[in-house]
Amino acid sequence: MTFKIINGILMLVAVYMGIKQGYAMFSGKPEMIDLFSKWGFNRTGLMINGAITIIAALLILFPETFVWGNFLMAAGILLIICFHLLDKDLKGMAIELPFLLLNLVIVYLQHPLKSV
């Protein structure tokens, strides 16, 4: 029971961060445009990436789409990590690692509302 509560809290944190970051990308916040434009993303590409991030965060909420949501979220984070590594930006990569690990831990603990 304790693991379900902990995982529920971790899930809500991941969903909140996914929606927050996805909205920042989708709405074209200047810091997001600066970050992604150096990797070749135009405004449309950034909006698509933001929409996918928001959708992934929402998919995490439902037991039926839980793994797919985490997969999409982790893939997006891994993409950003790879771009940071291409730039030899270890600090940027290190900042993203806990978010990737969060998705992996959530998958390991499974959806708290999943029936056994």
Protein backbone atom coordinates (compact mmCIF):
# COMPACT_ATOMS: atom_id res chain seq x y z
CA MET A 1 0.00 0.00 0.00
CA THR A 2 2.86 2.36 0.84
CA PHE A 3 4.44 1.82 -2.60
CA LYS A 4 1.13 2.66 -4.28
CA ILE A 5 0.92 5.96 -2.39
CA ILE A 6 4.54 6.81 -3.18
CA ASN A 7 4.07 5.92 -6.83
CA GLY A 8 0.85 7.93 -6.98
CA ILE A 9 2.74 10.98 -5.73
CA LEU A 10 5.62 10.35 -8.16
CA MET A 11 3.11 9.97 -10.99
CA LEU A 12 1.44 13.27 -10.16
CA VAL A 13 4.83 15.00 -10.06
CA ALA A 14 5.75 13.54 -13.47
CA VAL A 15 2.37 14.50 -14.95
CA TYR A 16 2.63 18.05 -13.56
CA MET A 17 6.15 18.50 -14.92
CA GLY A 18 5.18 17.02 -18.28
CA ILE A 19 2.21 19.34 -18.68
CA LYS A 20 4.23 22.34 -17.48
CA GLN A 21 7.16 21.70 -19.83
CA GLY A 22 4.89 20.64 -22.69
CA TYR A 23 2.89 23.85 -22.37
CA ALA A 24 6.10 25.90 -22.30
CA MET A 25 7.15 24.23 -25.56
CA PHE A 26 3.70 24.40 -27.15
CA SER A 27 3.24 28.08 -26.34
CA GLY A 28 6.75 28.94 -27.55
CA LYS A 29 8.29 30.37 -24.38
CA PRO A 30 11.48 32.26 -25.32
CA GLU A 31 13.76 30.02 -23.24
CA MET A 32 12.36 26.93 -24.96
CA ILE A 33 12.77 28.50 -28.40
CA ASP A 34 16.39 29.38 -27.55
CA LEU A 35 17.15 25.88 -26.29
CA PHE A 36 15.52 23.92 -29.11
CA SER A 37 16.47 26.27 -31.97
CA LYS A 38 20.15 25.45 -31.45
CA TRP A 39 19.19 21.82 -32.15
CA GLY A 40 17.38 22.68 -35.38
CA PHE A 41 13.80 22.81 -34.09
CA ASN A 42 11.65 25.51 -35.62
CA ARG A 43 8.55 26.90 -33.89
CA THR A 44 6.29 24.25 -35.45
CA GLY A 45 8.59 21.42 -34.40
CA LEU A 46 8.68 22.82 -30.88
CA MET A 47 4.87 23.00 -30.78
CA ILE A 48 4.60 19.38 -31.94
CA ASN A 49 7.14 18.27 -29.34
CA GLY A 50 5.18 20.19 -26.68
CA ALA A 51 1.89 18.62 -27.74
CA ILE A 52 3.42 15.13 -27.61
CA THR A 53 4.81 15.87 -24.14
CA ILE A 54 1.40 17.00 -22.88
CA ILE A 55 -0.31 13.94 -24.39
CA ALA A 56 2.32 11.64 -22.85
CA ALA A 57 1.77 13.22 -19.44
CA LEU A 58 -1.99 12.69 -19.70
CA LEU A 59 -1.57 9.09 -20.86
CA ILE A 60 0.33 8.32 -17.65
CA LEU A 61 -2.84 8.93 -15.64
CA PHE A 62 -4.77 5.97 -17.05
CA PRO A 63 -3.81 2.35 -16.30
CA GLU A 64 -4.51 1.27 -19.89
CA THR A 65 -2.09 3.82 -21.40
CA PHE A 66 0.30 4.12 -18.46
CA VAL A 67 3.28 2.39 -20.07
CA TRP A 68 2.83 4.21 -23.39
CA GLY A 69 2.71 7.58 -21.65
CA ASN A 70 5.87 6.83 -19.70
CA PHE A 71 7.53 5.51 -22.86
CA LEU A 72 6.75 8.71 -24.79
CA MET A 73 7.84 10.90 -21.90
CA ALA A 74 11.10 8.96 -21.44
CA ALA A 75 11.78 9.05 -25.20
CA GLY A 76 11.38 12.83 -25.23
CA ILE A 77 13.71 13.20 -22.26
CA LEU A 78 16.23 10.84 -23.86
CA LEU A 79 16.11 12.93 -27.04
CA ILE A 80 16.98 16.05 -25.03
CA ILE A 81 19.77 14.17 -23.21
CA CYS A 82 21.24 13.10 -26.57
CA PHE A 83 21.17 16.67 -27.86
CA HIS A 84 22.94 17.86 -24.69
CA LEU A 85 25.59 15.17 -25.17
CA LEU A 86 26.09 16.18 -28.81
CA ASP A 87 26.80 19.70 -27.51
CA LYS A 88 29.12 18.20 -24.86
CA ASP A 89 26.86 19.83 -22.25
CA LEU A 90 27.23 17.46 -19.30
CA LYS A 91 25.46 19.86 -16.93
CA GLY A 92 22.37 19.94 -19.16
CA MET A 93 22.46 16.17 -19.49
CA ALA A 94 22.80 15.73 -15.72
CA ILE A 95 19.77 17.97 -15.15
CA GLU A 96 17.63 15.72 -17.37
CA LEU A 97 18.74 12.38 -15.88
CA PRO A 98 16.53 12.51 -12.74
CA PHE A 99 13.46 13.06 -14.94
CA LEU A 100 14.33 10.04 -17.07
CA LEU A 101 14.90 7.95 -13.94
CA LEU A 102 11.58 9.17 -12.53
CA ASN A 103 9.72 7.67 -15.49
CA LEU A 104 11.62 4.41 -15.17
CA VAL A 105 10.88 4.15 -11.43
CA ILE A 106 7.20 4.88 -12.06
CA VAL A 107 7.04 2.07 -14.63
CA TYR A 108 8.80 -0.30 -12.24
CA LEU A 109 6.35 0.48 -9.42
CA GLN A 110 3.40 0.19 -11.86
CA HIS A 111 0.18 2.18 -11.91
CA PRO A 112 -1.25 2.52 -8.39
CA LEU A 113 -4.83 1.94 -9.56
CA LYS A 114 -3.99 -1.14 -11.66
CA SER A 115 -5.97 -4.14 -10.51
CA VAL A 116 -3.84 -7.12 -9.62
